[in-house]
Amino acid sequence: MSQTQIFWPMIALTFLIYCVYLLLFLRRRRAVTSGQAKIQEFVIPINEPEISVTTIRNLNNLYEVPMLFYVVCLSLYAVNGVSYLAVVIAWLFVGARLAHTLIHVTTNRLRYRQPIFTLGFILNGILWIILAMHLLLPPV
């Protein structure tokens, strides 16, 4: 397996972040055009308009655990530790982040969002365990 396969889930997650930025732009623009906010309020957005508050929170969330994901993926690549299992788990993590984002920016039902977040958190942890195992038990 090519070690570079670990980069595709990273690219997909980055694409998701760009999509959320676009959604945030569109929702903030709608807040301004509908009169819910003034453009000047976004210089230092202390009070995010209701229409975009979940989007900005989701965007912030995409810079928390996913940063650990990027680090572990790059680390696996650096130590030649990318395996089929690691790539599958990386894709599952991205899927969990996508599902979390879709729930967060639409219905925002915590009942569904929290278990998906937890799944992604666990999947990311498994990637770190894979990295640790690779370092402890290098291939023969």
C-alpha atoms as a PDB file:
ATOM      1  CA  MET A   1       0.000   0.000   0.000  1.00  0.00           C
ATOM      2  CA  SER A   2       1.215   3.475  -0.821  1.00  0.00           C
ATOM      3  CA  GLN A   3       1.954   5.541   2.282  1.00  0.00           C
ATOM      4  CA  THR A   4       0.462   8.571   0.535  1.00  0.00           C
ATOM      5  CA  GLN A   5      -3.049   7.077   0.775  1.00  0.00           C
ATOM      6  CA  ILE A   6      -3.305   8.660   4.234  1.00  0.00           C
ATOM      7  CA  PHE A   7      -3.363  12.095   2.589  1.00  0.00           C
ATOM      8  CA  TRP A   8      -6.742  11.564   0.864  1.00  0.00           C
ATOM      9  CA  PRO A   9      -8.792  11.618   4.086  1.00  0.00           C
ATOM     10  CA  MET A  10      -6.819  14.705   5.114  1.00  0.00           C
ATOM     11  CA  ILE A  11      -7.657  16.383   1.800  1.00  0.00           C
ATOM     12  CA  ALA A  12     -11.334  15.434   2.205  1.00  0.00           C
ATOM     13  CA  LEU A  13     -11.466  16.895   5.714  1.00  0.00           C
ATOM     14  CA  THR A  14      -9.830  20.093   4.488  1.00  0.00           C
ATOM     15  CA  PHE A  15     -12.449  20.295   1.723  1.00  0.00           C
ATOM     16  CA  LEU A  16     -15.161  19.961   4.383  1.00  0.00           C
ATOM     17  CA  ILE A  17     -13.630  22.874   6.295  1.00  0.00           C
ATOM     18  CA  TYR A  18     -13.683  25.005   3.135  1.00  0.00           C
ATOM     19  CA  CYS A  19     -17.356  24.091   2.607  1.00  0.00           C
ATOM     20  CA  VAL A  20     -18.204  25.193   6.148  1.00  0.00           C
ATOM     21  CA  TYR A  21     -16.367  28.486   5.540  1.00  0.00           C
ATOM     22  CA  LEU A  22     -18.521  28.999   2.438  1.00  0.00           C
ATOM     23  CA  LEU A  23     -21.678  28.173   4.401  1.00  0.00           C
ATOM     24  CA  LEU A  24     -20.633  30.631   7.114  1.00  0.00           C
ATOM     25  CA  PHE A  25     -20.098  33.352   4.506  1.00  0.00           C
ATOM     26  CA  LEU A  26     -23.527  32.698   2.986  1.00  0.00           C
ATOM     27  CA  ARG A  27     -25.282  32.658   6.351  1.00  0.00           C
ATOM     28  CA  ARG A  28     -23.568  35.820   7.550  1.00  0.00           C
ATOM     29  CA  ARG A  29     -24.425  37.541   4.277  1.00  0.00           C
ATOM     30  CA  ARG A  30     -28.055  36.467   4.747  1.00  0.00           C
ATOM     31  CA  ALA A  31     -27.960  37.875   8.300  1.00  0.00           C
ATOM     32  CA  VAL A  32     -26.796  41.228   6.936  1.00  0.00           C
ATOM     33  CA  THR A  33     -29.276  41.353   4.036  1.00  0.00           C
ATOM     34  CA  SER A  34     -32.174  40.355   6.298  1.00  0.00           C
ATOM     35  CA  GLY A  35     -31.275  43.010   8.868  1.00  0.00           C
ATOM     36  CA  GLN A  36     -30.357  40.559  11.638  1.00  0.00           C
ATOM     37  CA  ALA A  37     -26.821  41.956  11.723  1.00  0.00           C
ATOM     38  CA  LYS A  38     -24.757  44.844  10.457  1.00  0.00           C
ATOM     39  CA  ILE A  39     -21.564  44.217   8.505  1.00  0.00           C
ATOM     40  CA  GLN A  40     -19.563  46.146  11.142  1.00  0.00           C
ATOM     41  CA  GLU A  41     -20.595  43.584  13.782  1.00  0.00           C
ATOM     42  CA  PHE A  42     -18.330  41.024  12.115  1.00  0.00           C
ATOM     43  CA  VAL A  43     -15.164  43.028  12.739  1.00  0.00           C
ATOM     44  CA  ILE A  44     -15.134  41.501  16.223  1.00  0.00           C
ATOM     45  CA  PRO A  45     -18.130  39.127  16.227  1.00  0.00           C
ATOM     46  CA  ILE A  46     -19.030  39.087  19.915  1.00  0.00           C
ATOM     47  CA  ASN A  47     -22.686  38.335  19.221  1.00  0.00           C
ATOM     48  CA  GLU A  48     -22.965  35.989  16.262  1.00  0.00           C
ATOM     49  CA  PRO A  49     -26.384  36.181  14.552  1.00  0.00           C
ATOM     50  CA  GLU A  50     -28.660  33.222  15.217  1.00  0.00           C
ATOM     51  CA  ILE A  51     -28.598  32.240  11.545  1.00  0.00           C
ATOM     52  CA  SER A  52     -24.829  31.634  11.630  1.00  0.00           C
ATOM     53  CA  VAL A  53     -24.036  30.785  15.250  1.00  0.00           C
ATOM     54  CA  THR A  54     -24.072  26.992  14.798  1.00  0.00           C
ATOM     55  CA  THR A  55     -21.977  27.315  11.664  1.00  0.00           C
ATOM     56  CA  ILE A  56     -19.254  29.328  13.410  1.00  0.00           C
ATOM     57  CA  ARG A  57     -19.303  26.892  16.328  1.00  0.00           C
ATOM     58  CA  ASN A  58     -18.953  23.970  13.936  1.00  0.00           C
ATOM     59  CA  LEU A  59     -16.080  25.681  12.187  1.00  0.00           C
ATOM     60  CA  ASN A  60     -14.346  26.156  15.539  1.00  0.00           C
ATOM     61  CA  ASN A  61     -14.973  22.490  16.252  1.00  0.00           C
ATOM     62  CA  LEU A  62     -13.272  21.544  12.984  1.00  0.00           C
ATOM     63  CA  TYR A  63     -10.053  23.012  14.400  1.00  0.00           C
ATOM     64  CA  GLU A  64     -10.087  21.003  17.624  1.00  0.00           C
ATOM     65  CA  VAL A  65      -9.950  17.185  17.368  1.00  0.00           C
ATOM     66  CA  PRO A  66      -9.259  17.318  13.603  1.00  0.00           C
ATOM     67  CA  MET A  67      -5.921  18.997  14.317  1.00  0.00           C
ATOM     68  CA  LEU A  68      -4.946  15.840  16.238  1.00  0.00           C
ATOM     69  CA  PHE A  69      -6.099  13.875  13.192  1.00  0.00           C
ATOM     70  CA  TYR A  70      -3.774  15.801  10.881  1.00  0.00           C
ATOM     71  CA  VAL A  71      -0.855  15.304  13.272  1.00  0.00           C
ATOM     72  CA  VAL A  72      -1.386  11.549  13.607  1.00  0.00           C
ATOM     73  CA  CYS A  73      -1.792  11.101   9.847  1.00  0.00           C
ATOM     74  CA  LEU A  74       1.406  13.020   9.147  1.00  0.00           C
ATOM     75  CA  SER A  75       3.174  11.082  11.892  1.00  0.00           C
ATOM     76  CA  LEU A  76       2.058   7.740  10.433  1.00  0.00           C
ATOM     77  CA  TYR A  77       3.367   8.857   7.065  1.00  0.00           C
ATOM     78  CA  ALA A  78       6.668  10.061   8.542  1.00  0.00           C
ATOM     79  CA  VAL A  79       7.393   6.732  10.252  1.00  0.00           C
ATOM     80  CA  ASN A  80       6.151   4.609   7.347  1.00  0.00           C
ATOM     81  CA  GLY A  81       3.253   3.410   9.503  1.00  0.00           C
ATOM     82  CA  VAL A  82       0.364   3.829   7.085  1.00  0.00           C
ATOM     83  CA  SER A  83      -1.624   0.612   6.758  1.00  0.00           C
ATOM     84  CA  TYR A  84      -4.961  -0.359   5.234  1.00  0.00           C
ATOM     85  CA  LEU A  85      -6.438  -0.296   8.728  1.00  0.00           C
ATOM     86  CA  ALA A  86      -5.135   3.228   9.375  1.00  0.00           C
ATOM     87  CA  VAL A  87      -6.515   4.507   6.068  1.00  0.00           C
ATOM     88  CA  VAL A  88      -9.928   2.921   6.677  1.00  0.00           C
ATOM     89  CA  ILE A  89     -10.093   4.418  10.163  1.00  0.00           C
ATOM     90  CA  ALA A  90      -9.005   7.797   8.790  1.00  0.00           C
ATOM     91  CA  TRP A  91     -11.859   7.680   6.257  1.00  0.00           C
ATOM     92  CA  LEU A  92     -14.297   6.663   8.998  1.00  0.00           C
ATOM     93  CA  PHE A  93     -13.111   9.641  11.047  1.00  0.00           C
ATOM     94  CA  VAL A  94     -13.758  11.959   8.097  1.00  0.00           C
ATOM     95  CA  GLY A  95     -17.206  10.399   7.664  1.00  0.00           C
ATOM     96  CA  ALA A  96     -17.952  11.008  11.332  1.00  0.00           C
ATOM     97  CA  ARG A  97     -16.812  14.629  11.023  1.00  0.00           C
ATOM     98  CA  LEU A  98     -18.999  15.075   7.933  1.00  0.00           C
ATOM     99  CA  ALA A  99     -22.025  13.614   9.729  1.00  0.00           C
ATOM    100  CA  HIS A 100     -21.305  15.780  12.775  1.00  0.00           C
ATOM    101  CA  THR A 101     -21.093  18.882  10.596  1.00  0.00           C
ATOM    102  CA  LEU A 102     -24.318  18.086   8.741  1.00  0.00           C
ATOM    103  CA  ILE A 103     -26.186  17.623  12.016  1.00  0.00           C
ATOM    104  CA  HIS A 104     -24.571  20.676  13.615  1.00  0.00           C
ATOM    105  CA  VAL A 105     -25.402  23.119  10.820  1.00  0.00           C
ATOM    106  CA  THR A 106     -28.930  21.801  10.167  1.00  0.00           C
ATOM    107  CA  THR A 107     -31.041  20.362  12.993  1.00  0.00           C
ATOM    108  CA  ASN A 108     -28.300  20.702  15.643  1.00  0.00           C
ATOM    109  CA  ARG A 109     -29.890  17.882  17.607  1.00  0.00           C
ATOM    110  CA  LEU A 110     -27.461  17.070  20.408  1.00  0.00           C
ATOM    111  CA  ARG A 111     -29.065  13.646  20.710  1.00  0.00           C
ATOM    112  CA  TYR A 112     -27.551  12.747  17.311  1.00  0.00           C
ATOM    113  CA  ARG A 113     -24.581  15.083  17.230  1.00  0.00           C
ATOM    114  CA  GLN A 114     -22.929  13.975  20.484  1.00  0.00           C
ATOM    115  CA  PRO A 115     -22.666  10.234  19.662  1.00  0.00           C
ATOM    116  CA  ILE A 116     -21.225  11.050  16.225  1.00  0.00           C
ATOM    117  CA  PHE A 117     -18.689  13.384  17.833  1.00  0.00           C
ATOM    118  CA  THR A 118     -17.763  10.660  20.327  1.00  0.00           C
ATOM    119  CA  LEU A 119     -17.334   8.133  17.507  1.00  0.00           C
ATOM    120  CA  GLY A 120     -14.931  10.484  15.709  1.00  0.00           C
ATOM    121  CA  PHE A 121     -13.063  11.103  18.958  1.00  0.00           C
ATOM    122  CA  ILE A 122     -12.640   7.337  19.473  1.00  0.00           C
ATOM    123  CA  LEU A 123     -11.591   6.756  15.858  1.00  0.00           C
ATOM    124  CA  ASN A 124      -8.950   9.460  16.197  1.00  0.00           C
ATOM    125  CA  GLY A 125      -7.730   7.786  19.382  1.00  0.00           C
ATOM    126  CA  ILE A 126      -7.448   4.478  17.544  1.00  0.00           C
ATOM    127  CA  LEU A 127      -5.196   6.133  14.967  1.00  0.00           C
ATOM    128  CA  TRP A 128      -2.933   7.269  17.804  1.00  0.00           C
ATOM    129  CA  ILE A 129      -2.888   3.717  19.176  1.00  0.00           C
ATOM    130  CA  ILE A 130      -1.925   2.440  15.714  1.00  0.00           C
ATOM    131  CA  LEU A 131       0.925   4.953  15.643  1.00  0.00           C
ATOM    132  CA  ALA A 132       2.087   3.948  19.122  1.00  0.00           C
ATOM    133  CA  MET A 133       1.934   0.248  18.244  1.00  0.00           C
ATOM    134  CA  HIS A 134       3.919   0.871  15.077  1.00  0.00           C
ATOM    135  CA  LEU A 135       6.598   2.657  17.108  1.00  0.00           C
ATOM    136  CA  LEU A 136       6.655  -0.027  19.816  1.00  0.00           C
ATOM    137  CA  LEU A 137       6.515  -3.011  17.475  1.00  0.00           C
ATOM    138  CA  PRO A 138       8.144  -2.022  14.189  1.00  0.00           C
ATOM    139  CA  PRO A 139       7.612  -4.409  11.268  1.00  0.00           C
ATOM    140  CA  VAL A 140      10.241  -7.110  10.964  1.00  0.00           C
END
